[in-house]
Amino acid sequence: MSRDLRPPVDILHYEIVQEQASALGRMGSALEQSLARLREFDAAHAHAETPASMQAARRKLVMEAGQALWMLVVQREATGLRDSRHIMRTYNVPGEVQRCMGLVPAPSKPASK
């Protein structure tokens, strides 16, 4: 029977670092998925004139990707990784997604009766 002889604070620190790494992985995956949905949408509608309804759908995808990007950047900064240029290059984040990073859309107003 082996016993961990490290001080409890070291064990706790190790577990915190593991959770930070796991959170970074989850946030990175979420960003990849949202960017993939945006790229798929763009590829499917590349040759068509985009009606207003399609523009709204695309804008929603851009906003979702911006939110995912924001979550990853914040998580990285919480771990001490301050330079987000690496993320922008690695994930090939479009400028429009970068510009809406962290923006929260206004809640829709309920219809009046």
PDB file of N, CA and C in Angstrom:
ATOM      1  N   MET A   1       0.848  -1.168   0.000  1.00  0.00           N
ATOM      2  CA  MET A   1       0.000   0.000   0.000  1.00  0.00           C
ATOM      3  C   MET A   1       0.895   1.233   0.000  1.00  0.00           C
ATOM      4  N   SER A   2       0.800   2.021  -1.073  1.00  0.00           N
ATOM      5  CA  SER A   2       1.623   3.218  -1.145  1.00  0.00           C
ATOM      6  C   SER A   2       0.828   4.414  -0.657  1.00  0.00           C
ATOM      7  N   ARG A   3       1.543   5.317  -0.070  1.00  0.00           N
ATOM      8  CA  ARG A   3       0.906   6.509   0.478  1.00  0.00           C
ATOM      9  C   ARG A   3       1.582   7.715  -0.162  1.00  0.00           C
ATOM     10  N   ASP A   4       0.781   8.669  -0.607  1.00  0.00           N
ATOM     11  CA  ASP A   4       1.321   9.881  -1.203  1.00  0.00           C
ATOM     12  C   ASP A   4       1.895  10.739  -0.081  1.00  0.00           C
ATOM     13  N   LEU A   5       3.189  10.992  -0.148  1.00  0.00           N
ATOM     14  CA  LEU A   5       3.851  11.731   0.922  1.00  0.00           C
ATOM     15  C   LEU A   5       3.977  13.227   0.632  1.00  0.00           C
ATOM     16  N   ARG A   6       3.380  13.659  -0.495  1.00  0.00           N
ATOM     17  CA  ARG A   6       3.437  15.090  -0.802  1.00  0.00           C
ATOM     18  C   ARG A   6       2.535  15.845   0.167  1.00  0.00           C
ATOM     19  N   PRO A   7       2.874  17.090   0.432  1.00  0.00           N
ATOM     20  CA  PRO A   7       1.998  17.908   1.272  1.00  0.00           C
ATOM     21  C   PRO A   7       0.633  18.096   0.590  1.00  0.00           C
ATOM     22  N   PRO A   8      -0.439  18.180   1.357  1.00  0.00           N
ATOM     23  CA  PRO A   8      -1.776  18.337   0.776  1.00  0.00           C
ATOM     24  C   PRO A   8      -1.878  19.523  -0.185  1.00  0.00           C
ATOM     25  N   VAL A   9      -1.158  20.606   0.079  1.00  0.00           N
ATOM     26  CA  VAL A   9      -1.224  21.765  -0.811  1.00  0.00           C
ATOM     27  C   VAL A   9      -0.666  21.430  -2.183  1.00  0.00           C
ATOM     28  N   ASP A  10       0.359  20.589  -2.265  1.00  0.00           N
ATOM     29  CA  ASP A  10       0.910  20.176  -3.558  1.00  0.00           C
ATOM     30  C   ASP A  10      -0.080  19.295  -4.316  1.00  0.00           C
ATOM     31  N   ILE A  11      -0.750  18.433  -3.606  1.00  0.00           N
ATOM     32  CA  ILE A  11      -1.756  17.567  -4.228  1.00  0.00           C
ATOM     33  C   ILE A  11      -2.894  18.418  -4.783  1.00  0.00           C
ATOM     34  N   LEU A  12      -3.337  19.387  -4.000  1.00  0.00           N
ATOM     35  CA  LEU A  12      -4.399  20.289  -4.435  1.00  0.00           C
ATOM     36  C   LEU A  12      -3.954  21.095  -5.654  1.00  0.00           C
ATOM     37  N   HIS A  13      -2.750  21.619  -5.625  1.00  0.00           N
ATOM     38  CA  HIS A  13      -2.227  22.384  -6.762  1.00  0.00           C
ATOM     39  C   HIS A  13      -2.203  21.535  -8.023  1.00  0.00           C
ATOM     40  N   TYR A  14      -1.772  20.296  -7.896  1.00  0.00           N
ATOM     41  CA  TYR A  14      -1.734  19.383  -9.038  1.00  0.00           C
ATOM     42  C   TYR A  14      -3.135  19.196  -9.625  1.00  0.00           C
ATOM     43  N   GLU A  15      -4.118  19.004  -8.776  1.00  0.00           N
ATOM     44  CA  GLU A  15      -5.492  18.806  -9.248  1.00  0.00           C
ATOM     45  C   GLU A  15      -6.057  20.076  -9.890  1.00  0.00           C
ATOM     46  N   ILE A  16      -5.702  21.225  -9.358  1.00  0.00           N
ATOM     47  CA  ILE A  16      -6.152  22.487  -9.957  1.00  0.00           C
ATOM     48  C   ILE A  16      -5.561  22.648 -11.351  1.00  0.00           C
ATOM     49  N   VAL A  17      -4.286  22.351 -11.503  1.00  0.00           N
ATOM     50  CA  VAL A  17      -3.635  22.457 -12.811  1.00  0.00           C
ATOM     51  C   VAL A  17      -4.260  21.461 -13.790  1.00  0.00           C
ATOM     52  N   GLN A  18      -4.583  20.270 -13.333  1.00  0.00           N
ATOM     53  CA  GLN A  18      -5.249  19.293 -14.199  1.00  0.00           C
ATOM     54  C   GLN A  18      -6.596  19.834 -14.676  1.00  0.00           C
ATOM     55  N   GLU A  19      -7.372  20.425 -13.798  1.00  0.00           N
ATOM     56  CA  GLU A  19      -8.674  20.965 -14.172  1.00  0.00           C
ATOM     57  C   GLU A  19      -8.523  22.147 -15.127  1.00  0.00           C
ATOM     58  N   GLN A  20      -7.507  22.977 -14.924  1.00  0.00           N
ATOM     59  CA  GLN A  20      -7.270  24.089 -15.845  1.00  0.00           C
ATOM     60  C   GLN A  20      -6.968  23.564 -17.250  1.00  0.00           C
ATOM     61  N   ALA A  21      -6.143  22.552 -17.334  1.00  0.00           N
ATOM     62  CA  ALA A  21      -5.805  21.966 -18.632  1.00  0.00           C
ATOM     63  C   ALA A  21      -7.039  21.347 -19.286  1.00  0.00           C
ATOM     64  N   SER A  22      -7.851  20.685 -18.507  1.00  0.00           N
ATOM     65  CA  SER A  22      -9.073  20.089 -19.028  1.00  0.00           C
ATOM     66  C   SER A  22     -10.040  21.163 -19.526  1.00  0.00           C
ATOM     67  N   ALA A  23     -10.164  22.242 -18.775  1.00  0.00           N
ATOM     68  CA  ALA A  23     -11.043  23.342 -19.179  1.00  0.00           C
ATOM     69  C   ALA A  23     -10.546  23.983 -20.471  1.00  0.00           C
ATOM     70  N   LEU A  24      -9.239  24.163 -20.593  1.00  0.00           N
ATOM     71  CA  LEU A  24      -8.683  24.706 -21.835  1.00  0.00           C
ATOM     72  C   LEU A  24      -9.014  23.800 -23.023  1.00  0.00           C
ATOM     73  N   GLY A  25      -8.925  22.516 -22.819  1.00  0.00           N
ATOM     74  CA  GLY A  25      -9.261  21.569 -23.879  1.00  0.00           C
ATOM     75  C   GLY A  25     -10.722  21.661 -24.280  1.00  0.00           C
ATOM     76  N   ARG A  26     -11.600  21.750 -23.300  1.00  0.00           N
ATOM     77  CA  ARG A  26     -13.033  21.867 -23.591  1.00  0.00           C
ATOM     78  C   ARG A  26     -13.339  23.166 -24.327  1.00  0.00           C
ATOM     79  N   MET A  27     -12.731  24.261 -23.886  1.00  0.00           N
ATOM     80  CA  MET A  27     -12.969  25.554 -24.528  1.00  0.00           C
ATOM     81  C   MET A  27     -12.411  25.564 -25.955  1.00  0.00           C
ATOM     82  N   GLY A  28     -11.254  24.956 -26.154  1.00  0.00           N
ATOM     83  CA  GLY A  28     -10.678  24.863 -27.491  1.00  0.00           C
ATOM     84  C   GLY A  28     -11.558  24.042 -28.427  1.00  0.00           C
ATOM     85  N   SER A  29     -12.090  22.942 -27.926  1.00  0.00           N
ATOM     86  CA  SER A  29     -12.996  22.118 -28.734  1.00  0.00           C
ATOM     87  C   SER A  29     -14.270  22.874 -29.093  1.00  0.00           C
ATOM     88  N   ALA A  30     -14.800  23.617 -28.137  1.00  0.00           N
ATOM     89  CA  ALA A  30     -16.015  24.401 -28.397  1.00  0.00           C
ATOM     90  C   ALA A  30     -15.750  25.448 -29.477  1.00  0.00           C
ATOM     91  N   LEU A  31     -14.588  26.085 -29.430  1.00  0.00           N
ATOM     92  CA  LEU A  31     -14.238  27.066 -30.452  1.00  0.00           C
ATOM     93  C   LEU A  31     -14.098  26.392 -31.813  1.00  0.00           C
ATOM     94  N   GLU A  32     -13.397  25.264 -31.859  1.00  0.00           N
ATOM     95  CA  GLU A  32     -13.240  24.534 -33.124  1.00  0.00           C
ATOM     96  C   GLU A  32     -14.595  24.190 -33.727  1.00  0.00           C
ATOM     97  N   GLN A  33     -15.514  23.706 -32.910  1.00  0.00           N
ATOM     98  CA  GLN A  33     -16.836  23.308 -33.394  1.00  0.00           C
ATOM     99  C   GLN A  33     -17.629  24.504 -33.903  1.00  0.00           C
ATOM    100  N   SER A  34     -17.589  25.613 -33.190  1.00  0.00           N
ATOM    101  CA  SER A  34     -18.357  26.774 -33.625  1.00  0.00           C
ATOM    102  C   SER A  34     -17.779  27.366 -34.911  1.00  0.00           C
ATOM    103  N   LEU A  35     -16.452  27.368 -35.034  1.00  0.00           N
ATOM    104  CA  LEU A  35     -15.827  27.850 -36.271  1.00  0.00           C
ATOM    105  C   LEU A  35     -16.141  26.910 -37.435  1.00  0.00           C
ATOM    106  N   ALA A  36     -16.196  25.616 -37.164  1.00  0.00           N
ATOM    107  CA  ALA A  36     -16.539  24.646 -38.216  1.00  0.00           C
ATOM    108  C   ALA A  36     -17.967  24.874 -38.705  1.00  0.00           C
ATOM    109  N   ARG A  37     -18.902  25.135 -37.787  1.00  0.00           N
ATOM    110  CA  ARG A  37     -20.288  25.404 -38.199  1.00  0.00           C
ATOM    111  C   ARG A  37     -20.355  26.660 -39.065  1.00  0.00           C
ATOM    112  N   LEU A  38     -19.606  27.687 -38.696  1.00  0.00           N
ATOM    113  CA  LEU A  38     -19.585  28.918 -39.472  1.00  0.00           C
ATOM    114  C   LEU A  38     -18.996  28.669 -40.858  1.00  0.00           C
ATOM    115  N   ARG A  39     -17.906  27.930 -40.936  1.00  0.00           N
ATOM    116  CA  ARG A  39     -17.276  27.650 -42.224  1.00  0.00           C
ATOM    117  C   ARG A  39     -18.173  26.783 -43.110  1.00  0.00           C
ATOM    118  N   GLU A  40     -18.860  25.819 -42.493  1.00  0.00           N
ATOM    119  CA  GLU A  40     -19.790  24.981 -43.256  1.00  0.00           C
ATOM    120  C   GLU A  40     -20.932  25.821 -43.820  1.00  0.00           C
ATOM    121  N   PHE A  41     -21.444  26.730 -43.013  1.00  0.00           N
ATOM    122  CA  PHE A  41     -22.513  27.620 -43.464  1.00  0.00           C
ATOM    123  C   PHE A  41     -22.025  28.457 -44.646  1.00  0.00           C
ATOM    124  N   ASP A  42     -20.845  29.029 -44.515  1.00  0.00           N
ATOM    125  CA  ASP A  42     -20.288  29.859 -45.582  1.00  0.00           C
ATOM    126  C   ASP A  42     -20.068  29.052 -46.858  1.00  0.00           C
ATOM    127  N   ALA A  43     -19.591  27.815 -46.718  1.00  0.00           N
ATOM    128  CA  ALA A  43     -19.356  26.976 -47.888  1.00  0.00           C
ATOM    129  C   ALA A  43     -20.672  26.610 -48.573  1.00  0.00           C
ATOM    130  N   ALA A  44     -21.698  26.358 -47.790  1.00  0.00           N
ATOM    131  CA  ALA A  44     -22.987  25.979 -48.349  1.00  0.00           C
ATOM    132  C   ALA A  44     -23.690  27.140 -49.035  1.00  0.00           C
ATOM    133  N   HIS A  45     -23.374  28.360 -48.630  1.00  0.00           N
ATOM    134  CA  HIS A  45     -24.069  29.528 -49.172  1.00  0.00           C
ATOM    135  C   HIS A  45     -23.123  30.474 -49.918  1.00  0.00           C
ATOM    136  N   ALA A  46     -22.033  29.935 -50.392  1.00  0.00           N
ATOM    137  CA  ALA A  46     -21.016  30.777 -51.034  1.00  0.00           C
ATOM    138  C   ALA A  46     -21.483  31.370 -52.353  1.00  0.00           C
ATOM    139  N   HIS A  47     -22.261  30.627 -53.105  1.00  0.00           N
ATOM    140  CA  HIS A  47     -22.635  31.074 -54.446  1.00  0.00           C
ATOM    141  C   HIS A  47     -24.056  31.620 -54.501  1.00  0.00           C
ATOM    142  N   ALA A  48     -24.680  31.765 -53.389  1.00  0.00           N
ATOM    143  CA  ALA A  48     -26.071  32.221 -53.386  1.00  0.00           C
ATOM    144  C   ALA A  48     -26.168  33.648 -52.846  1.00  0.00           C
ATOM    145  N   GLU A  49     -27.154  34.355 -53.341  1.00  0.00           N
ATOM    146  CA  GLU A  49     -27.475  35.670 -52.782  1.00  0.00           C
ATOM    147  C   GLU A  49     -28.115  35.405 -51.424  1.00  0.00           C
ATOM    148  N   THR A  50     -27.580  35.987 -50.373  1.00  0.00           N
ATOM    149  CA  THR A  50     -28.066  35.655 -49.034  1.00  0.00           C
ATOM    150  C   THR A  50     -29.226  36.549 -48.628  1.00  0.00           C
ATOM    151  N   PRO A  51     -30.406  35.945 -48.449  1.00  0.00           N
ATOM    152  CA  PRO A  51     -31.548  36.718 -47.979  1.00  0.00           C
ATOM    153  C   PRO A  51     -31.364  37.115 -46.515  1.00  0.00           C
ATOM    154  N   ALA A  52     -32.215  37.993 -46.044  1.00  0.00           N
ATOM    155  CA  ALA A  52     -32.099  38.512 -44.682  1.00  0.00           C
ATOM    156  C   ALA A  52     -32.145  37.394 -43.642  1.00  0.00           C
ATOM    157  N   SER A  53     -32.981  36.386 -43.868  1.00  0.00           N
ATOM    158  CA  SER A  53     -33.072  35.290 -42.896  1.00  0.00           C
ATOM    159  C   SER A  53     -31.755  34.529 -42.793  1.00  0.00           C
ATOM    160  N   MET A  54     -31.070  34.369 -43.933  1.00  0.00           N
ATOM    161  CA  MET A  54     -29.781  33.677 -43.927  1.00  0.00           C
ATOM    162  C   MET A  54     -28.706  34.543 -43.289  1.00  0.00           C
ATOM    163  N   GLN A  55     -28.790  35.846 -43.505  1.00  0.00           N
ATOM    164  CA  GLN A  55     -27.831  36.757 -42.878  1.00  0.00           C
ATOM    165  C   GLN A  55     -27.970  36.700 -41.362  1.00  0.00           C
ATOM    166  N   ALA A  56     -29.215  36.618 -40.875  1.00  0.00           N
ATOM    167  CA  ALA A  56     -29.435  36.516 -39.433  1.00  0.00           C
ATOM    168  C   ALA A  56     -28.881  35.203 -38.889  1.00  0.00           C
ATOM    169  N   ALA A  57     -29.060  34.123 -39.634  1.00  0.00           N
ATOM    170  CA  ALA A  57     -28.537  32.822 -39.205  1.00  0.00           C
ATOM    171  C   ALA A  57     -27.011  32.848 -39.159  1.00  0.00           C
ATOM    172  N   ARG A  58     -26.404  33.482 -40.156  1.00  0.00           N
ATOM    173  CA  ARG A  58     -24.944  33.581 -40.180  1.00  0.00           C
ATOM    174  C   ARG A  58     -24.440  34.449 -39.038  1.00  0.00           C
ATOM    175  N   ARG A  59     -25.131  35.560 -38.800  1.00  0.00           N
ATOM    176  CA  ARG A  59     -24.741  36.449 -37.695  1.00  0.00           C
ATOM    177  C   ARG A  59     -24.782  35.700 -36.371  1.00  0.00           C
ATOM    178  N   LYS A  60     -25.776  34.838 -36.203  1.00  0.00           N
ATOM    179  CA  LYS A  60     -25.873  34.040 -34.972  1.00  0.00           C
ATOM    180  C   LYS A  60     -24.657  33.114 -34.836  1.00  0.00           C
ATOM    181  N   LEU A  61     -24.252  32.503 -35.946  1.00  0.00           N
ATOM    182  CA  LEU A  61     -23.073  31.631 -35.918  1.00  0.00           C
ATOM    183  C   LEU A  61     -21.807  32.415 -35.581  1.00  0.00           C
ATOM    184  N   VAL A  62     -21.691  33.620 -36.129  1.00  0.00           N
ATOM    185  CA  VAL A  62     -20.532  34.473 -35.823  1.00  0.00           C
ATOM    186  C   VAL A  62     -20.531  34.826 -34.335  1.00  0.00           C
ATOM    187  N   MET A  63     -21.698  35.164 -33.798  1.00  0.00           N
ATOM    188  CA  MET A  63     -21.789  35.518 -32.378  1.00  0.00           C
ATOM    189  C   MET A  63     -21.453  34.319 -31.481  1.00  0.00           C
ATOM    190  N   GLU A  64     -21.920  33.138 -31.872  1.00  0.00           N
ATOM    191  CA  GLU A  64     -21.599  31.928 -31.100  1.00  0.00           C
ATOM    192  C   GLU A  64     -20.097  31.656 -31.114  1.00  0.00           C
ATOM    193  N   ALA A  65     -19.477  31.827 -32.273  1.00  0.00           N
ATOM    194  CA  ALA A  65     -18.028  31.633 -32.363  1.00  0.00           C
ATOM    195  C   ALA A  65     -17.299  32.692 -31.540  1.00  0.00           C
ATOM    196  N   GLY A  66     -17.794  33.926 -31.553  1.00  0.00           N
ATOM    197  CA  GLY A  66     -17.196  34.988 -30.741  1.00  0.00           C
ATOM    198  C   GLY A  66     -17.281  34.679 -29.260  1.00  0.00           C
ATOM    199  N   GLN A  67     -18.408  34.118 -28.837  1.00  0.00           N
ATOM    200  CA  GLN A  67     -18.566  33.740 -27.432  1.00  0.00           C
ATOM    201  C   GLN A  67     -17.611  32.606 -27.068  1.00  0.00           C
ATOM    202  N   ALA A  68     -17.491  31.610 -27.949  1.00  0.00           N
ATOM    203  CA  ALA A  68     -16.562  30.497 -27.700  1.00  0.00           C
ATOM    204  C   ALA A  68     -15.116  30.999 -27.646  1.00  0.00           C
ATOM    205  N   LEU A  69     -14.789  31.931 -28.524  1.00  0.00           N
ATOM    206  CA  LEU A  69     -13.451  32.517 -28.514  1.00  0.00           C
ATOM    207  C   LEU A  69     -13.203  33.255 -27.205  1.00  0.00           C
ATOM    208  N   TRP A  70     -14.171  34.028 -26.773  1.00  0.00           N
ATOM    209  CA  TRP A  70     -14.056  34.776 -25.517  1.00  0.00           C
ATOM    210  C   TRP A  70     -13.824  33.829 -24.341  1.00  0.00           C
ATOM    211  N   MET A  71     -14.575  32.738 -24.299  1.00  0.00           N
ATOM    212  CA  MET A  71     -14.431  31.780 -23.197  1.00  0.00           C
ATOM    213  C   MET A  71     -13.026  31.185 -23.176  1.00  0.00           C
ATOM    214  N   LEU A  72     -12.485  30.867 -24.339  1.00  0.00           N
ATOM    215  CA  LEU A  72     -11.133  30.308 -24.398  1.00  0.00           C
ATOM    216  C   LEU A  72     -10.093  31.340 -23.986  1.00  0.00           C
ATOM    217  N   VAL A  73     -10.223  32.564 -24.479  1.00  0.00           N
ATOM    218  CA  VAL A  73      -9.262  33.617 -24.134  1.00  0.00           C
ATOM    219  C   VAL A  73      -9.283  33.875 -22.623  1.00  0.00           C
ATOM    220  N   VAL A  74     -10.460  33.958 -22.038  1.00  0.00           N
ATOM    221  CA  VAL A  74     -10.561  34.207 -20.597  1.00  0.00           C
ATOM    222  C   VAL A  74      -9.951  33.055 -19.809  1.00  0.00           C
ATOM    223  N   GLN A  75     -10.246  31.835 -20.226  1.00  0.00           N
ATOM    224  CA  GLN A  75      -9.691  30.669 -19.528  1.00  0.00           C
ATOM    225  C   GLN A  75      -8.174  30.665 -19.617  1.00  0.00           C
ATOM    226  N   ARG A  76      -7.629  30.987 -20.793  1.00  0.00           N
ATOM    227  CA  ARG A  76      -6.166  31.049 -20.942  1.00  0.00           C
ATOM    228  C   ARG A  76      -5.575  32.137 -20.060  1.00  0.00           C
ATOM    229  N   GLU A  77      -6.225  33.302 -20.042  1.00  0.00           N
ATOM    230  CA  GLU A  77      -5.703  34.391 -19.219  1.00  0.00           C
ATOM    231  C   GLU A  77      -5.750  34.040 -17.737  1.00  0.00           C
ATOM    232  N   ALA A  78      -6.741  33.278 -17.326  1.00  0.00           N
ATOM    233  CA  ALA A  78      -6.828  32.858 -15.926  1.00  0.00           C
ATOM    234  C   ALA A  78      -5.666  31.947 -15.537  1.00  0.00           C
ATOM    235  N   THR A  79      -5.087  31.268 -16.524  1.00  0.00           N
ATOM    236  CA  THR A  79      -3.944  30.397 -16.244  1.00  0.00           C
ATOM    237  C   THR A  79      -2.616  31.108 -16.463  1.00  0.00           C
ATOM    238  N   GLY A  80      -2.669  32.402 -16.837  1.00  0.00           N
ATOM    239  CA  GLY A  80      -1.445  33.170 -17.007  1.00  0.00           C
ATOM    240  C   GLY A  80      -0.978  33.309 -18.441  1.00  0.00           C
ATOM    241  N   LEU A  81      -1.725  32.751 -19.386  1.00  0.00           N
ATOM    242  CA  LEU A  81      -1.362  32.853 -20.797  1.00  0.00           C
ATOM    243  C   LEU A  81      -2.053  34.078 -21.378  1.00  0.00           C
ATOM    244  N   ARG A  82      -1.344  35.188 -21.439  1.00  0.00           N
ATOM    245  CA  ARG A  82      -1.950  36.474 -21.773  1.00  0.00           C
ATOM    246  C   ARG A  82      -2.022  36.792 -23.266  1.00  0.00           C
ATOM    247  N   ASP A  83      -1.147  36.209 -24.072  1.00  0.00           N
ATOM    248  CA  ASP A  83      -1.076  36.550 -25.487  1.00  0.00           C
ATOM    249  C   ASP A  83      -2.039  35.663 -26.278  1.00  0.00           C
ATOM    250  N   SER A  84      -3.082  36.261 -26.836  1.00  0.00           N
ATOM    251  CA  SER A  84      -4.084  35.473 -27.552  1.00  0.00           C
ATOM    252  C   SER A  84      -3.801  35.374 -29.055  1.00  0.00           C
ATOM    253  N   ARG A  85      -2.713  35.968 -29.530  1.00  0.00           N
ATOM    254  CA  ARG A  85      -2.390  35.880 -30.957  1.00  0.00           C
ATOM    255  C   ARG A  85      -2.203  34.434 -31.406  1.00  0.00           C
ATOM    256  N   HIS A  86      -1.673  33.605 -30.506  1.00  0.00           N
ATOM    257  CA  HIS A  86      -1.472  32.188 -30.822  1.00  0.00           C
ATOM    258  C   HIS A  86      -2.810  31.524 -31.140  1.00  0.00           C
ATOM    259  N   ILE A  87      -3.835  31.830 -30.380  1.00  0.00           N
ATOM    260  CA  ILE A  87      -5.168  31.254 -30.617  1.00  0.00           C
ATOM    261  C   ILE A  87      -5.678  31.677 -31.985  1.00  0.00           C
ATOM    262  N   MET A  88      -5.546  32.957 -32.290  1.00  0.00           N
ATOM    263  CA  MET A  88      -6.066  33.484 -33.551  1.00  0.00           C
ATOM    264  C   MET A  88      -5.412  32.800 -34.747  1.00  0.00           C
ATOM    265  N   ARG A  89      -4.112  32.540 -34.641  1.00  0.00           N
ATOM    266  CA  ARG A  89      -3.398  31.872 -35.736  1.00  0.00           C
ATOM    267  C   ARG A  89      -3.720  30.380 -35.781  1.00  0.00           C
ATOM    268  N   THR A  90      -3.669  29.730 -34.641  1.00  0.00           N
ATOM    269  CA  THR A  90      -3.867  28.283 -34.587  1.00  0.00           C
ATOM    270  C   THR A  90      -5.242  27.873 -35.075  1.00  0.00           C
ATOM    271  N   TYR A  91      -6.264  28.589 -34.631  1.00  0.00           N
ATOM    272  CA  TYR A  91      -7.645  28.256 -34.998  1.00  0.00           C
ATOM    273  C   TYR A  91      -8.109  29.004 -36.249  1.00  0.00           C
ATOM    274  N   ASN A  92      -7.241  29.841 -36.817  1.00  0.00           N
ATOM    275  CA  ASN A  92      -7.579  30.625 -38.002  1.00  0.00           C
ATOM    276  C   ASN A  92      -8.907  31.366 -37.798  1.00  0.00           C
ATOM    277  N   VAL A  93      -8.950  32.146 -36.732  1.00  0.00           N
ATOM    278  CA  VAL A  93     -10.172  32.846 -36.348  1.00  0.00           C
ATOM    279  C   VAL A  93     -10.382  34.054 -37.260  1.00  0.00           C
ATOM    280  N   PRO A  94     -11.535  34.120 -37.944  1.00  0.00           N
ATOM    281  CA  PRO A  94     -11.810  35.271 -38.813  1.00  0.00           C
ATOM    282  C   PRO A  94     -11.892  36.566 -38.016  1.00  0.00           C
ATOM    283  N   GLY A  95     -11.553  37.657 -38.671  1.00  0.00           N
ATOM    284  CA  GLY A  95     -11.579  38.963 -38.020  1.00  0.00           C
ATOM    285  C   GLY A  95     -12.947  39.326 -37.467  1.00  0.00           C
ATOM    286  N   GLU A  96     -14.012  38.972 -38.187  1.00  0.00           N
ATOM    287  CA  GLU A  96     -15.353  39.315 -37.706  1.00  0.00           C
ATOM    288  C   GLU A  96     -15.686  38.584 -36.408  1.00  0.00           C
ATOM    289  N   VAL A  97     -15.161  37.384 -36.230  1.00  0.00           N
ATOM    290  CA  VAL A  97     -15.368  36.647 -34.978  1.00  0.00           C
ATOM    291  C   VAL A  97     -14.556  37.310 -33.872  1.00  0.00           C
ATOM    292  N   GLN A  98     -13.330  37.715 -34.186  1.00  0.00           N
ATOM    293  CA  GLN A  98     -12.494  38.391 -33.189  1.00  0.00           C
ATOM    294  C   GLN A  98     -13.144  39.687 -32.717  1.00  0.00           C
ATOM    295  N   ARG A  99     -13.764  40.415 -33.656  1.00  0.00           N
ATOM    296  CA  ARG A  99     -14.370  41.701 -33.299  1.00  0.00           C
ATOM    297  C   ARG A  99     -15.606  41.557 -32.423  1.00  0.00           C
ATOM    298  N   CYS A 100     -16.291  40.426 -32.508  1.00  0.00           N
ATOM    299  CA  CYS A 100     -17.486  40.276 -31.661  1.00  0.00           C
ATOM    300  C   CYS A 100     -17.198  39.420 -30.431  1.00  0.00           C
ATOM    301  N   MET A 101     -15.923  39.130 -30.190  1.00  0.00           N
ATOM    302  CA  MET A 101     -15.532  38.334 -29.030  1.00  0.00           C
ATOM    303  C   MET A 101     -16.028  38.980 -27.739  1.00  0.00           C
ATOM    304  N   GLY A 102     -16.777  38.210 -26.972  1.00  0.00           N
ATOM    305  CA  GLY A 102     -17.242  38.677 -25.673  1.00  0.00           C
ATOM    306  C   GLY A 102     -18.526  39.468 -25.714  1.00  0.00           C
ATOM    307  N   LEU A 103     -19.016  39.801 -26.893  1.00  0.00           N
ATOM    308  CA  LEU A 103     -20.276  40.531 -26.973  1.00  0.00           C
ATOM    309  C   LEU A 103     -21.422  39.587 -26.656  1.00  0.00           C
ATOM    310  N   VAL A 104     -22.332  40.070 -25.861  1.00  0.00           N
ATOM    311  CA  VAL A 104     -23.510  39.271 -25.541  1.00  0.00           C
ATOM    312  C   VAL A 104     -24.687  39.924 -26.244  1.00  0.00           C
ATOM    313  N   PRO A 105     -25.398  39.148 -27.067  1.00  0.00           N
ATOM    314  CA  PRO A 105     -26.525  39.751 -27.755  1.00  0.00           C
ATOM    315  C   PRO A 105     -27.588  40.218 -26.771  1.00  0.00           C
ATOM    316  N   ALA A 106     -28.251  41.315 -27.131  1.00  0.00           N
ATOM    317  CA  ALA A 106     -29.312  41.844 -26.272  1.00  0.00           C
ATOM    318  C   ALA A 106     -30.445  40.832 -26.203  1.00  0.00           C
ATOM    319  N   PRO A 107     -31.030  40.662 -25.020  1.00  0.00           N
ATOM    320  CA  PRO A 107     -32.136  39.711 -24.916  1.00  0.00           C
ATOM    321  C   PRO A 107     -33.306  40.197 -25.762  1.00  0.00           C
ATOM    322  N   SER A 108     -33.967  39.246 -26.387  1.00  0.00           N
ATOM    323  CA  SER A 108     -35.109  39.633 -27.209  1.00  0.00           C
ATOM    324  C   SER A 108     -36.264  40.030 -26.294  1.00  0.00           C
ATOM    325  N   LYS A 109     -36.985  41.032 -26.726  1.00  0.00           N
ATOM    326  CA  LYS A 109     -38.112  41.524 -25.938  1.00  0.00           C
ATOM    327  C   LYS A 109     -39.330  40.652 -26.213  1.00  0.00           C
ATOM    328  N   PRO A 110     -40.086  40.316 -25.159  1.00  0.00           N
ATOM    329  CA  PRO A 110     -41.289  39.507 -25.396  1.00  0.00           C
ATOM    330  C   PRO A 110     -42.318  40.341 -26.184  1.00  0.00           C
ATOM    331  N   ALA A 111     -43.077  39.658 -26.999  1.00  0.00           N
ATOM    332  CA  ALA A 111     -44.089  40.331 -27.812  1.00  0.00           C
ATOM    333  C   ALA A 111     -45.166  40.916 -26.922  1.00  0.00           C
ATOM    334  N   SER A 112     -45.588  42.110 -27.254  1.00  0.00           N
ATOM    335  CA  SER A 112     -46.649  42.774 -26.494  1.00  0.00           C
ATOM    336  C   SER A 112     -47.990  42.201 -26.888  1.00  0.00           C
ATOM    337  N   LYS A 113     -48.875  42.162 -25.907  1.00  0.00           N
ATOM    338  CA  LYS A 113     -50.220  41.641 -26.184  1.00  0.00           C
ATOM    339  C   LYS A 113     -51.184  42.740 -26.455  1.00  0.00           C
TER     340      LYS A 113
END
